[in-house]
Amino acid sequence: MLNKQLFPLLFICVVVATATTTAASTTVVMCNLVYSSLESCLGYVLGGGLSSVPSKCCSGIKFVLNAARTRADRQSLCKCIKSIASSSIAVPVSRLAKLPGMCMANVPFKICPNADCSKIK
């Protein structure tokens, strides 16, 4: 059982540790959100016989865009999408880049392997 006198010290340590790792983990958290939210888009992007984008994919795109409220979030989102576009697996970037337009979603950066995420506002 935790001593009641040690609890405030433990709490301060947790807060300090969280604050120092938050900036680095923002991209990881955003990428996990992106990957899970856009999983339904894979069939279309990878050309699995889908001629249209599933509505669940469009919902996922809009959810991720709404979650990226701050500049840091949008930059992290850009880095995640950029890593997908430049990954070693054969992701058809042209199909990936068409998704926002097909879903009527406004993405604040160009979807391509060489996007400059630092310029996103």
PDB file of N, CA and C in Angstrom:
ATOM      1  N   MET A   1       0.841  -1.180   0.000  1.00  0.00           N
ATOM      2  CA  MET A   1       0.000   0.000   0.000  1.00  0.00           C
ATOM      3  C   MET A   1       0.885   1.241   0.000  1.00  0.00           C
ATOM      4  N   LEU A   2       0.491   2.230  -0.771  1.00  0.00           N
ATOM      5  CA  LEU A   2       1.281   3.448  -0.923  1.00  0.00           C
ATOM      6  C   LEU A   2       1.090   4.357   0.286  1.00  0.00           C
ATOM      7  N   ASN A   3       2.199   4.802   0.854  1.00  0.00           N
ATOM      8  CA  ASN A   3       2.166   5.713   1.982  1.00  0.00           C
ATOM      9  C   ASN A   3       1.553   7.036   1.524  1.00  0.00           C
ATOM     10  N   LYS A   4       0.596   7.582   2.293  1.00  0.00           N
ATOM     11  CA  LYS A   4      -0.092   8.820   1.914  1.00  0.00           C
ATOM     12  C   LYS A   4       0.866   9.995   1.801  1.00  0.00           C
ATOM     13  N   GLN A   5       1.974   9.966   2.491  1.00  0.00           N
ATOM     14  CA  GLN A   5       2.949  11.058   2.417  1.00  0.00           C
ATOM     15  C   GLN A   5       3.760  10.987   1.134  1.00  0.00           C
ATOM     16  N   LEU A   6       3.890   9.815   0.563  1.00  0.00           N
ATOM     17  CA  LEU A   6       4.658   9.658  -0.673  1.00  0.00           C
ATOM     18  C   LEU A   6       3.834   9.948  -1.920  1.00  0.00           C
ATOM     19  N   PHE A   7       2.518   9.949  -1.788  1.00  0.00           N
ATOM     20  CA  PHE A   7       1.663  10.152  -2.950  1.00  0.00           C
ATOM     21  C   PHE A   7       1.941  11.472  -3.672  1.00  0.00           C
ATOM     22  N   PRO A   8       2.042  12.633  -2.959  1.00  0.00           N
ATOM     23  CA  PRO A   8       2.322  13.877  -3.684  1.00  0.00           C
ATOM     24  C   PRO A   8       3.653  13.832  -4.449  1.00  0.00           C
ATOM     25  N   LEU A   9       4.664  13.205  -3.894  1.00  0.00           N
ATOM     26  CA  LEU A   9       5.948  13.087  -4.570  1.00  0.00           C
ATOM     27  C   LEU A   9       5.829  12.210  -5.813  1.00  0.00           C
ATOM     28  N   LEU A  10       5.123  11.108  -5.689  1.00  0.00           N
ATOM     29  CA  LEU A  10       4.899  10.220  -6.826  1.00  0.00           C
ATOM     30  C   LEU A  10       4.124  10.949  -7.922  1.00  0.00           C
ATOM     31  N   PHE A  11       3.111  11.695  -7.519  1.00  0.00           N
ATOM     32  CA  PHE A  11       2.306  12.451  -8.479  1.00  0.00           C
ATOM     33  C   PHE A  11       3.168  13.457  -9.247  1.00  0.00           C
ATOM     34  N   ILE A  12       4.033  14.175  -8.548  1.00  0.00           N
ATOM     35  CA  ILE A  12       4.922  15.150  -9.190  1.00  0.00           C
ATOM     36  C   ILE A  12       5.861  14.452 -10.166  1.00  0.00           C
ATOM     37  N   CYS A  13       6.394  13.310  -9.798  1.00  0.00           N
ATOM     38  CA  CYS A  13       7.288  12.558 -10.690  1.00  0.00           C
ATOM     39  C   CYS A  13       6.569  12.130 -11.961  1.00  0.00           C
ATOM     40  N   VAL A  14       5.330  11.686 -11.824  1.00  0.00           N
ATOM     41  CA  VAL A  14       4.550  11.264 -12.997  1.00  0.00           C
ATOM     42  C   VAL A  14       4.284  12.459 -13.906  1.00  0.00           C
ATOM     43  N   VAL A  15       3.918  13.588 -13.331  1.00  0.00           N
ATOM     44  CA  VAL A  15       3.647  14.791 -14.129  1.00  0.00           C
ATOM     45  C   VAL A  15       4.896  15.235 -14.879  1.00  0.00           C
ATOM     46  N   VAL A  16       6.036  15.266 -14.213  1.00  0.00           N
ATOM     47  CA  VAL A  16       7.289  15.675 -14.852  1.00  0.00           C
ATOM     48  C   VAL A  16       7.673  14.700 -15.962  1.00  0.00           C
ATOM     49  N   ALA A  17       7.552  13.421 -15.703  1.00  0.00           N
ATOM     50  CA  ALA A  17       7.891  12.415 -16.715  1.00  0.00           C
ATOM     51  C   ALA A  17       6.969  12.529 -17.920  1.00  0.00           C
ATOM     52  N   THR A  18       5.692  12.763 -17.680  1.00  0.00           N
ATOM     53  CA  THR A  18       4.739  12.903 -18.778  1.00  0.00           C
ATOM     54  C   THR A  18       5.031  14.149 -19.592  1.00  0.00           C
ATOM     55  N   ALA A  19       5.339  15.241 -18.938  1.00  0.00           N
ATOM     56  CA  ALA A  19       5.624  16.488 -19.643  1.00  0.00           C
ATOM     57  C   ALA A  19       6.853  16.376 -20.534  1.00  0.00           C
ATOM     58  N   THR A  20       7.858  15.652 -20.087  1.00  0.00           N
ATOM     59  CA  THR A  20       9.075  15.552 -20.882  1.00  0.00           C
ATOM     60  C   THR A  20       8.924  14.593 -22.053  1.00  0.00           C
ATOM     61  N   THR A  21       7.991  13.669 -21.968  1.00  0.00           N
ATOM     62  CA  THR A  21       7.826  12.722 -23.073  1.00  0.00           C
ATOM     63  C   THR A  21       6.657  13.061 -23.980  1.00  0.00           C
ATOM     64  N   THR A  22       5.846  14.044 -23.635  1.00  0.00           N
ATOM     65  CA  THR A  22       4.664  14.361 -24.417  1.00  0.00           C
ATOM     66  C   THR A  22       5.010  14.804 -25.825  1.00  0.00           C
ATOM     67  N   ALA A  23       5.981  15.682 -25.999  1.00  0.00           N
ATOM     68  CA  ALA A  23       6.319  16.173 -27.333  1.00  0.00           C
ATOM     69  C   ALA A  23       6.771  15.038 -28.238  1.00  0.00           C
ATOM     70  N   ALA A  24       7.590  14.144 -27.735  1.00  0.00           N
ATOM     71  CA  ALA A  24       8.082  13.037 -28.548  1.00  0.00           C
ATOM     72  C   ALA A  24       6.991  12.019 -28.825  1.00  0.00           C
ATOM     73  N   SER A  25       6.090  11.851 -27.896  1.00  0.00           N
ATOM     74  CA  SER A  25       5.058  10.835 -28.080  1.00  0.00           C
ATOM     75  C   SER A  25       3.873  11.336 -28.886  1.00  0.00           C
ATOM     76  N   THR A  26       3.761  12.643 -29.128  1.00  0.00           N
ATOM     77  CA  THR A  26       2.642  13.176 -29.893  1.00  0.00           C
ATOM     78  C   THR A  26       2.559  12.524 -31.261  1.00  0.00           C
ATOM     79  N   THR A  27       3.685  12.400 -31.931  1.00  0.00           N
ATOM     80  CA  THR A  27       3.695  11.787 -33.255  1.00  0.00           C
ATOM     81  C   THR A  27       3.297  10.324 -33.171  1.00  0.00           C
ATOM     82  N   VAL A  28       3.770   9.619 -32.164  1.00  0.00           N
ATOM     83  CA  VAL A  28       3.422   8.203 -32.006  1.00  0.00           C
ATOM     84  C   VAL A  28       1.925   8.049 -31.772  1.00  0.00           C
ATOM     85  N   VAL A  29       1.370   8.873 -30.892  1.00  0.00           N
ATOM     86  CA  VAL A  29      -0.065   8.811 -30.606  1.00  0.00           C
ATOM     87  C   VAL A  29      -0.853   9.135 -31.866  1.00  0.00           C
ATOM     88  N   MET A  30      -0.448  10.173 -32.578  1.00  0.00           N
ATOM     89  CA  MET A  30      -1.160  10.565 -33.795  1.00  0.00           C
ATOM     90  C   MET A  30      -1.067   9.458 -34.838  1.00  0.00           C
ATOM     91  N   CYS A  31       0.093   8.839 -34.992  1.00  0.00           N
ATOM     92  CA  CYS A  31       0.237   7.767 -35.972  1.00  0.00           C
ATOM     93  C   CYS A  31      -0.619   6.566 -35.610  1.00  0.00           C
ATOM     94  N   ASN A  32      -0.690   6.221 -34.344  1.00  0.00           N
ATOM     95  CA  ASN A  32      -1.557   5.117 -33.932  1.00  0.00           C
ATOM     96  C   ASN A  32      -3.017   5.431 -34.273  1.00  0.00           C
ATOM     97  N   LEU A  33      -3.422   6.677 -34.046  1.00  0.00           N
ATOM     98  CA  LEU A  33      -4.775   7.110 -34.377  1.00  0.00           C
ATOM     99  C   LEU A  33      -4.995   7.052 -35.883  1.00  0.00           C
ATOM    100  N   VAL A  34      -4.023   7.516 -36.655  1.00  0.00           N
ATOM    101  CA  VAL A  34      -4.129   7.498 -38.117  1.00  0.00           C
ATOM    102  C   VAL A  34      -4.260   6.074 -38.623  1.00  0.00           C
ATOM    103  N   TYR A  35      -3.375   5.202 -38.184  1.00  0.00           N
ATOM    104  CA  TYR A  35      -3.388   3.825 -38.669  1.00  0.00           C
ATOM    105  C   TYR A  35      -4.698   3.122 -38.341  1.00  0.00           C
ATOM    106  N   SER A  36      -5.183   3.295 -37.127  1.00  0.00           N
ATOM    107  CA  SER A  36      -6.424   2.609 -36.752  1.00  0.00           C
ATOM    108  C   SER A  36      -7.635   3.226 -37.449  1.00  0.00           C
ATOM    109  N   SER A  37      -7.636   4.547 -37.619  1.00  0.00           N
ATOM    110  CA  SER A  37      -8.781   5.224 -38.234  1.00  0.00           C
ATOM    111  C   SER A  37      -8.854   5.004 -39.740  1.00  0.00           C
ATOM    112  N   LEU A  38      -7.714   4.810 -40.371  1.00  0.00           N
ATOM    113  CA  LEU A  38      -7.694   4.685 -41.832  1.00  0.00           C
ATOM    114  C   LEU A  38      -7.538   3.253 -42.327  1.00  0.00           C
ATOM    115  N   GLU A  39      -7.645   2.315 -41.427  1.00  0.00           N
ATOM    116  CA  GLU A  39      -7.510   0.907 -41.807  1.00  0.00           C
ATOM    117  C   GLU A  39      -8.530   0.509 -42.875  1.00  0.00           C
ATOM    118  N   SER A  40      -9.718   1.079 -42.811  1.00  0.00           N
ATOM    119  CA  SER A  40     -10.757   0.743 -43.787  1.00  0.00           C
ATOM    120  C   SER A  40     -10.462   1.300 -45.182  1.00  0.00           C
ATOM    121  N   CYS A  41      -9.445   2.134 -45.305  1.00  0.00           N
ATOM    122  CA  CYS A  41      -9.065   2.704 -46.605  1.00  0.00           C
ATOM    123  C   CYS A  41      -8.101   1.796 -47.373  1.00  0.00           C
ATOM    124  N   LEU A  42      -7.515   0.826 -46.691  1.00  0.00           N
ATOM    125  CA  LEU A  42      -6.467  -0.001 -47.304  1.00  0.00           C
ATOM    126  C   LEU A  42      -6.917  -0.713 -48.570  1.00  0.00           C
ATOM    127  N   GLY A  43      -8.115  -1.255 -48.568  1.00  0.00           N
ATOM    128  CA  GLY A  43      -8.606  -1.970 -49.746  1.00  0.00           C
ATOM    129  C   GLY A  43      -8.606  -1.091 -50.978  1.00  0.00           C
ATOM    130  N   TYR A  44      -9.052   0.144 -50.819  1.00  0.00           N
ATOM    131  CA  TYR A  44      -9.063   1.076 -51.948  1.00  0.00           C
ATOM    132  C   TYR A  44      -7.642   1.486 -52.343  1.00  0.00           C
ATOM    133  N   VAL A  45      -6.856   1.895 -51.364  1.00  0.00           N
ATOM    134  CA  VAL A  45      -5.512   2.401 -51.644  1.00  0.00           C
ATOM    135  C   VAL A  45      -4.627   1.344 -52.292  1.00  0.00           C
ATOM    136  N   LEU A  46      -4.707   0.134 -51.790  1.00  0.00           N
ATOM    137  CA  LEU A  46      -3.857  -0.926 -52.331  1.00  0.00           C
ATOM    138  C   LEU A  46      -4.437  -1.558 -53.592  1.00  0.00           C
ATOM    139  N   GLY A  47      -5.583  -1.050 -54.043  1.00  0.00           N
ATOM    140  CA  GLY A  47      -6.157  -1.524 -55.300  1.00  0.00           C
ATOM    141  C   GLY A  47      -6.776  -2.894 -55.218  1.00  0.00           C
ATOM    142  N   GLY A  48      -7.375  -3.193 -54.093  1.00  0.00           N
ATOM    143  CA  GLY A  48      -7.964  -4.506 -53.887  1.00  0.00           C
ATOM    144  C   GLY A  48      -9.302  -4.697 -54.568  1.00  0.00           C
ATOM    145  N   GLY A  49      -9.484  -4.114 -55.726  1.00  0.00           N
ATOM    146  CA  GLY A  49     -10.718  -4.303 -56.467  1.00  0.00           C
ATOM    147  C   GLY A  49     -11.812  -3.318 -56.114  1.00  0.00           C
ATOM    148  N   LEU A  50     -11.565  -2.434 -55.185  1.00  0.00           N
ATOM    149  CA  LEU A  50     -12.578  -1.440 -54.827  1.00  0.00           C
ATOM    150  C   LEU A  50     -12.499  -0.259 -55.788  1.00  0.00           C
ATOM    151  N   SER A  51     -13.609   0.054 -56.430  1.00  0.00           N
ATOM    152  CA  SER A  51     -13.620   1.186 -57.356  1.00  0.00           C
ATOM    153  C   SER A  51     -14.028   2.479 -56.665  1.00  0.00           C
ATOM    154  N   SER A  52     -14.636   2.351 -55.486  1.00  0.00           N
ATOM    155  CA  SER A  52     -15.016   3.546 -54.737  1.00  0.00           C
ATOM    156  C   SER A  52     -14.499   3.440 -53.300  1.00  0.00           C
ATOM    157  N   VAL A  53     -14.416   4.589 -52.679  1.00  0.00           N
ATOM    158  CA  VAL A  53     -13.901   4.657 -51.309  1.00  0.00           C
ATOM    159  C   VAL A  53     -15.022   4.291 -50.337  1.00  0.00           C
ATOM    160  N   PRO A  54     -14.763   3.368 -49.428  1.00  0.00           N
ATOM    161  CA  PRO A  54     -15.792   3.007 -48.438  1.00  0.00           C
ATOM    162  C   PRO A  54     -16.140   4.201 -47.544  1.00  0.00           C
ATOM    163  N   SER A  55     -17.392   4.314 -47.163  1.00  0.00           N
ATOM    164  CA  SER A  55     -17.821   5.432 -46.312  1.00  0.00           C
ATOM    165  C   SER A  55     -17.096   5.415 -44.968  1.00  0.00           C
ATOM    166  N   LYS A  56     -16.761   4.223 -44.476  1.00  0.00           N
ATOM    167  CA  LYS A  56     -16.025   4.124 -43.206  1.00  0.00           C
ATOM    168  C   LYS A  56     -14.635   4.756 -43.348  1.00  0.00           C
ATOM    169  N   CYS A  57     -14.044   4.646 -44.522  1.00  0.00           N
ATOM    170  CA  CYS A  57     -12.743   5.271 -44.788  1.00  0.00           C
ATOM    171  C   CYS A  57     -12.876   6.792 -44.689  1.00  0.00           C
ATOM    172  N   CYS A  58     -13.896   7.337 -45.350  1.00  0.00           N
ATOM    173  CA  CYS A  58     -14.110   8.794 -45.307  1.00  0.00           C
ATOM    174  C   CYS A  58     -14.381   9.270 -43.889  1.00  0.00           C
ATOM    175  N   SER A  59     -15.139   8.493 -43.133  1.00  0.00           N
ATOM    176  CA  SER A  59     -15.396   8.848 -41.729  1.00  0.00           C
ATOM    177  C   SER A  59     -14.093   8.859 -40.941  1.00  0.00           C
ATOM    178  N   GLY A  60     -13.216   7.898 -41.214  1.00  0.00           N
ATOM    179  CA  GLY A  60     -11.922   7.828 -40.543  1.00  0.00           C
ATOM    180  C   GLY A  60     -11.046   9.019 -40.866  1.00  0.00           C
ATOM    181  N   ILE A  61     -11.038   9.428 -42.134  1.00  0.00           N
ATOM    182  CA  ILE A  61     -10.247  10.594 -42.547  1.00  0.00           C
ATOM    183  C   ILE A  61     -10.739  11.838 -41.819  1.00  0.00           C
ATOM    184  N   LYS A  62     -12.033  12.033 -41.810  1.00  0.00           N
ATOM    185  CA  LYS A  62     -12.601  13.223 -41.156  1.00  0.00           C
ATOM    186  C   LYS A  62     -12.362  13.191 -39.645  1.00  0.00           C
ATOM    187  N   PHE A  63     -12.415  12.009 -39.050  1.00  0.00           N
ATOM    188  CA  PHE A  63     -12.146  11.876 -37.620  1.00  0.00           C
ATOM    189  C   PHE A  63     -10.708  12.291 -37.301  1.00  0.00           C
ATOM    190  N   VAL A  64      -9.757  11.801 -38.100  1.00  0.00           N
ATOM    191  CA  VAL A  64      -8.346  12.119 -37.876  1.00  0.00           C
ATOM    192  C   VAL A  64      -8.103  13.621 -38.069  1.00  0.00           C
ATOM    193  N   LEU A  65      -8.700  14.197 -39.097  1.00  0.00           N
ATOM    194  CA  LEU A  65      -8.521  15.634 -39.334  1.00  0.00           C
ATOM    195  C   LEU A  65      -9.097  16.457 -38.195  1.00  0.00           C
ATOM    196  N   ASN A  66     -10.230  16.048 -37.661  1.00  0.00           N
ATOM    197  CA  ASN A  66     -10.824  16.761 -36.521  1.00  0.00           C
ATOM    198  C   ASN A  66      -9.989  16.599 -35.257  1.00  0.00           C
ATOM    199  N   ALA A  67      -9.298  15.465 -35.131  1.00  0.00           N
ATOM    200  CA  ALA A  67      -8.455  15.227 -33.957  1.00  0.00           C
ATOM    201  C   ALA A  67      -7.183  16.066 -33.997  1.00  0.00           C
ATOM    202  N   ALA A  68      -6.759  16.465 -35.185  1.00  0.00           N
ATOM    203  CA  ALA A  68      -5.531  17.257 -35.343  1.00  0.00           C
ATOM    204  C   ALA A  68      -5.875  18.741 -35.216  1.00  0.00           C
ATOM    205  N   ARG A  69      -6.041  19.187 -33.995  1.00  0.00           N
ATOM    206  CA  ARG A  69      -6.514  20.556 -33.749  1.00  0.00           C
ATOM    207  C   ARG A  69      -5.397  21.581 -33.645  1.00  0.00           C
ATOM    208  N   THR A  70      -4.244  21.174 -33.190  1.00  0.00           N
ATOM    209  CA  THR A  70      -3.154  22.126 -33.016  1.00  0.00           C
ATOM    210  C   THR A  70      -2.167  21.998 -34.178  1.00  0.00           C
ATOM    211  N   ARG A  71      -1.294  22.953 -34.287  1.00  0.00           N
ATOM    212  CA  ARG A  71      -0.265  22.912 -35.330  1.00  0.00           C
ATOM    213  C   ARG A  71       0.612  21.670 -35.158  1.00  0.00           C
ATOM    214  N   ALA A  72       0.977  21.377 -33.926  1.00  0.00           N
ATOM    215  CA  ALA A  72       1.808  20.197 -33.650  1.00  0.00           C
ATOM    216  C   ALA A  72       1.080  18.915 -34.062  1.00  0.00           C
ATOM    217  N   ASP A  73      -0.217  18.858 -33.808  1.00  0.00           N
ATOM    218  CA  ASP A  73      -1.005  17.689 -34.214  1.00  0.00           C
ATOM    219  C   ASP A  73      -1.021  17.547 -35.733  1.00  0.00           C
ATOM    220  N   ARG A  74      -1.232  18.671 -36.430  1.00  0.00           N
ATOM    221  CA  ARG A  74      -1.280  18.620 -37.894  1.00  0.00           C
ATOM    222  C   ARG A  74       0.078  18.239 -38.471  1.00  0.00           C
ATOM    223  N   GLN A  75       1.149  18.708 -37.852  1.00  0.00           N
ATOM    224  CA  GLN A  75       2.488  18.325 -38.307  1.00  0.00           C
ATOM    225  C   GLN A  75       2.729  16.833 -38.052  1.00  0.00           C
ATOM    226  N   SER A  76       2.273  16.337 -36.924  1.00  0.00           N
ATOM    227  CA  SER A  76       2.404  14.911 -36.628  1.00  0.00           C
ATOM    228  C   SER A  76       1.588  14.080 -37.612  1.00  0.00           C
ATOM    229  N   LEU A  77       0.392  14.539 -37.909  1.00  0.00           N
ATOM    230  CA  LEU A  77      -0.450  13.862 -38.899  1.00  0.00           C
ATOM    231  C   LEU A  77       0.262  13.812 -40.242  1.00  0.00           C
ATOM    232  N   CYS A  78       0.846  14.917 -40.638  1.00  0.00           N
ATOM    233  CA  CYS A  78       1.595  14.976 -41.888  1.00  0.00           C
ATOM    234  C   CYS A  78       2.742  13.965 -41.892  1.00  0.00           C
ATOM    235  N   LYS A  79       3.469  13.903 -40.791  1.00  0.00           N
ATOM    236  CA  LYS A  79       4.597  12.961 -40.706  1.00  0.00           C
ATOM    237  C   LYS A  79       4.122  11.518 -40.813  1.00  0.00           C
ATOM    238  N   CYS A  80       2.982  11.216 -40.223  1.00  0.00           N
ATOM    239  CA  CYS A  80       2.434   9.857 -40.306  1.00  0.00           C
ATOM    240  C   CYS A  80       2.074   9.509 -41.738  1.00  0.00           C
ATOM    241  N   ILE A  81       1.346  10.410 -42.389  1.00  0.00           N
ATOM    242  CA  ILE A  81       0.925  10.171 -43.769  1.00  0.00           C
ATOM    243  C   ILE A  81       2.146  10.120 -44.686  1.00  0.00           C
ATOM    244  N   LYS A  82       3.104  10.988 -44.426  1.00  0.00           N
ATOM    245  CA  LYS A  82       4.341  10.990 -45.222  1.00  0.00           C
ATOM    246  C   LYS A  82       5.072   9.656 -45.080  1.00  0.00           C
ATOM    247  N   SER A  83       5.105   9.113 -43.875  1.00  0.00           N
ATOM    248  CA  SER A  83       5.791   7.834 -43.673  1.00  0.00           C
ATOM    249  C   SER A  83       5.065   6.708 -44.392  1.00  0.00           C
ATOM    250  N   ILE A  84       3.733   6.794 -44.457  1.00  0.00           N
ATOM    251  CA  ILE A  84       2.967   5.795 -45.205  1.00  0.00           C
ATOM    252  C   ILE A  84       3.285   5.925 -46.694  1.00  0.00           C
ATOM    253  N   ALA A  85       3.299   7.162 -47.188  1.00  0.00           N
ATOM    254  CA  ALA A  85       3.540   7.405 -48.613  1.00  0.00           C
ATOM    255  C   ALA A  85       4.946   6.997 -49.034  1.00  0.00           C
ATOM    256  N   SER A  86       5.893   7.044 -48.106  1.00  0.00           N
ATOM    257  CA  SER A  86       7.277   6.701 -48.462  1.00  0.00           C
ATOM    258  C   SER A  86       7.704   5.357 -47.899  1.00  0.00           C
ATOM    259  N   SER A  87       6.736   4.553 -47.466  1.00  0.00           N
ATOM    260  CA  SER A  87       7.071   3.262 -46.852  1.00  0.00           C
ATOM    261  C   SER A  87       7.615   2.287 -47.886  1.00  0.00           C
ATOM    262  N   SER A  88       8.208   1.234 -47.377  1.00  0.00           N
ATOM    263  CA  SER A  88       8.811   0.240 -48.260  1.00  0.00           C
ATOM    264  C   SER A  88       7.763  -0.633 -48.930  1.00  0.00           C
ATOM    265  N   ILE A  89       6.550  -0.679 -48.351  1.00  0.00           N
ATOM    266  CA  ILE A  89       5.515  -1.450 -49.027  1.00  0.00           C
ATOM    267  C   ILE A  89       5.000  -0.629 -50.207  1.00  0.00           C
ATOM    268  N   ALA A  90       4.500  -1.284 -51.175  1.00  0.00           N
ATOM    269  CA  ALA A  90       4.087  -0.612 -52.410  1.00  0.00           C
ATOM    270  C   ALA A  90       2.735   0.082 -52.223  1.00  0.00           C
ATOM    271  N   VAL A  91       2.767   1.286 -51.650  1.00  0.00           N
ATOM    272  CA  VAL A  91       1.551   2.073 -51.475  1.00  0.00           C
ATOM    273  C   VAL A  91       1.410   2.977 -52.692  1.00  0.00           C
ATOM    274  N   PRO A  92       0.353   2.813 -53.461  1.00  0.00           N
ATOM    275  CA  PRO A  92       0.132   3.701 -54.610  1.00  0.00           C
ATOM    276  C   PRO A  92      -0.191   5.111 -54.113  1.00  0.00           C
ATOM    277  N   VAL A  93       0.808   5.990 -54.130  1.00  0.00           N
ATOM    278  CA  VAL A  93       0.662   7.335 -53.580  1.00  0.00           C
ATOM    279  C   VAL A  93      -0.449   8.095 -54.291  1.00  0.00           C
ATOM    280  N   SER A  94      -0.613   7.880 -55.582  1.00  0.00           N
ATOM    281  CA  SER A  94      -1.660   8.603 -56.310  1.00  0.00           C
ATOM    282  C   SER A  94      -3.049   8.244 -55.768  1.00  0.00           C
ATOM    283  N   ARG A  95      -3.267   6.991 -55.437  1.00  0.00           N
ATOM    284  CA  ARG A  95      -4.567   6.584 -54.863  1.00  0.00           C
ATOM    285  C   ARG A  95      -4.719   7.127 -53.446  1.00  0.00           C
ATOM    286  N   LEU A  96      -3.625   7.122 -52.691  1.00  0.00           N
ATOM    287  CA  LEU A  96      -3.639   7.665 -51.332  1.00  0.00           C
ATOM    288  C   LEU A  96      -3.952   9.163 -51.360  1.00  0.00           C
ATOM    289  N   ALA A  97      -3.338   9.876 -52.295  1.00  0.00           N
ATOM    290  CA  ALA A  97      -3.521  11.323 -52.393  1.00  0.00           C
ATOM    291  C   ALA A  97      -4.931  11.709 -52.841  1.00  0.00           C
ATOM    292  N   LYS A  98      -5.621  10.825 -53.537  1.00  0.00           N
ATOM    293  CA  LYS A  98      -6.984  11.110 -54.008  1.00  0.00           C
ATOM    294  C   LYS A  98      -8.034  10.989 -52.907  1.00  0.00           C
ATOM    295  N   LEU A  99      -7.718  10.263 -51.851  1.00  0.00           N
ATOM    296  CA  LEU A  99      -8.710   9.992 -50.804  1.00  0.00           C
ATOM    297  C   LEU A  99      -9.386  11.244 -50.227  1.00  0.00           C
ATOM    298  N   PRO A 100      -8.633  12.260 -49.817  1.00  0.00           N
ATOM    299  CA  PRO A 100      -9.308  13.422 -49.216  1.00  0.00           C
ATOM    300  C   PRO A 100     -10.319  14.073 -50.154  1.00  0.00           C
ATOM    301  N   GLY A 101      -9.967  14.228 -51.415  1.00  0.00           N
ATOM    302  CA  GLY A 101     -10.895  14.824 -52.375  1.00  0.00           C
ATOM    303  C   GLY A 101     -12.131  13.976 -52.579  1.00  0.00           C
ATOM    304  N   MET A 102     -11.944  12.669 -52.649  1.00  0.00           N
ATOM    305  CA  MET A 102     -13.075  11.761 -52.837  1.00  0.00           C
ATOM    306  C   MET A 102     -13.989  11.756 -51.612  1.00  0.00           C
ATOM    307  N   CYS A 103     -13.412  12.059 -50.457  1.00  0.00           N
ATOM    308  CA  CYS A 103     -14.189  12.090 -49.211  1.00  0.00           C
ATOM    309  C   CYS A 103     -14.625  13.497 -48.830  1.00  0.00           C
ATOM    310  N   MET A 104     -14.322  14.465 -49.693  1.00  0.00           N
ATOM    311  CA  MET A 104     -14.628  15.871 -49.424  1.00  0.00           C
ATOM    312  C   MET A 104     -14.058  16.323 -48.090  1.00  0.00           C
ATOM    313  N   ALA A 105     -12.781  16.011 -47.887  1.00  0.00           N
ATOM    314  CA  ALA A 105     -12.069  16.388 -46.664  1.00  0.00           C
ATOM    315  C   ALA A 105     -10.890  17.278 -47.048  1.00  0.00           C
ATOM    316  N   ASN A 106     -10.681  18.327 -46.308  1.00  0.00           N
ATOM    317  CA  ASN A 106      -9.605  19.277 -46.592  1.00  0.00           C
ATOM    318  C   ASN A 106      -8.369  18.940 -45.765  1.00  0.00           C
ATOM    319  N   VAL A 107      -7.365  18.380 -46.419  1.00  0.00           N
ATOM    320  CA  VAL A 107      -6.108  18.037 -45.745  1.00  0.00           C
ATOM    321  C   VAL A 107      -5.156  19.221 -45.928  1.00  0.00           C
ATOM    322  N   PRO A 108      -4.565  19.732 -44.841  1.00  0.00           N
ATOM    323  CA  PRO A 108      -3.749  20.943 -44.924  1.00  0.00           C
ATOM    324  C   PRO A 108      -2.317  20.743 -45.436  1.00  0.00           C
ATOM    325  N   PHE A 109      -2.075  19.662 -46.157  1.00  0.00           N
ATOM    326  CA  PHE A 109      -0.752  19.420 -46.724  1.00  0.00           C
ATOM    327  C   PHE A 109      -0.888  18.500 -47.923  1.00  0.00           C
ATOM    328  N   LYS A 110       0.139  18.486 -48.748  1.00  0.00           N
ATOM    329  CA  LYS A 110       0.155  17.623 -49.918  1.00  0.00           C
ATOM    330  C   LYS A 110       0.556  16.214 -49.485  1.00  0.00           C
ATOM    331  N   ILE A 111      -0.201  15.228 -49.924  1.00  0.00           N
ATOM    332  CA  ILE A 111       0.105  13.843 -49.579  1.00  0.00           C
ATOM    333  C   ILE A 111       1.110  13.310 -50.597  1.00  0.00           C
ATOM    334  N   CYS A 112       2.366  13.252 -50.156  1.00  0.00           N
ATOM    335  CA  CYS A 112       3.443  12.752 -51.001  1.00  0.00           C
ATOM    336  C   CYS A 112       4.626  12.400 -50.120  1.00  0.00           C
ATOM    337  N   PRO A 113       5.551  11.591 -50.629  1.00  0.00           N
ATOM    338  CA  PRO A 113       6.697  11.159 -49.825  1.00  0.00           C
ATOM    339  C   PRO A 113       7.636  12.294 -49.416  1.00  0.00           C
ATOM    340  N   ASN A 114       7.607  13.415 -50.129  1.00  0.00           N
ATOM    341  CA  ASN A 114       8.530  14.506 -49.801  1.00  0.00           C
ATOM    342  C   ASN A 114       7.811  15.752 -49.260  1.00  0.00           C
ATOM    343  N   ALA A 115       6.674  15.568 -48.629  1.00  0.00           N
ATOM    344  CA  ALA A 115       5.940  16.702 -48.037  1.00  0.00           C
ATOM    345  C   ALA A 115       6.791  17.361 -46.947  1.00  0.00           C
ATOM    346  N   ASP A 116       6.734  18.688 -46.893  1.00  0.00           N
ATOM    347  CA  ASP A 116       7.456  19.432 -45.864  1.00  0.00           C
ATOM    348  C   ASP A 116       6.495  19.736 -44.714  1.00  0.00           C
ATOM    349  N   CYS A 117       6.495  18.855 -43.745  1.00  0.00           N
ATOM    350  CA  CYS A 117       5.549  18.950 -42.625  1.00  0.00           C
ATOM    351  C   CYS A 117       5.818  20.142 -41.712  1.00  0.00           C
ATOM    352  N   SER A 118       7.026  20.667 -41.759  1.00  0.00           N
ATOM    353  CA  SER A 118       7.374  21.795 -40.879  1.00  0.00           C
ATOM    354  C   SER A 118       6.672  23.089 -41.297  1.00  0.00           C
ATOM    355  N   LYS A 119       6.161  23.146 -42.511  1.00  0.00           N
ATOM    356  CA  LYS A 119       5.516  24.374 -43.008  1.00  0.00           C
ATOM    357  C   LYS A 119       4.015  24.412 -42.759  1.00  0.00           C
ATOM    358  N   ILE A 120       3.500  23.401 -42.120  1.00  0.00           N
ATOM    359  CA  ILE A 120       2.049  23.353 -41.865  1.00  0.00           C
ATOM    360  C   ILE A 120       1.710  24.292 -40.720  1.00  0.00           C
ATOM    361  N   LYS A 121       0.636  25.036 -40.920  1.00  0.00           N
ATOM    362  CA  LYS A 121       0.213  25.993 -39.887  1.00  0.00           C
ATOM    363  C   LYS A 121      -0.969  25.481 -39.136  1.00  0.00           C
TER     364      LYS A 121
END
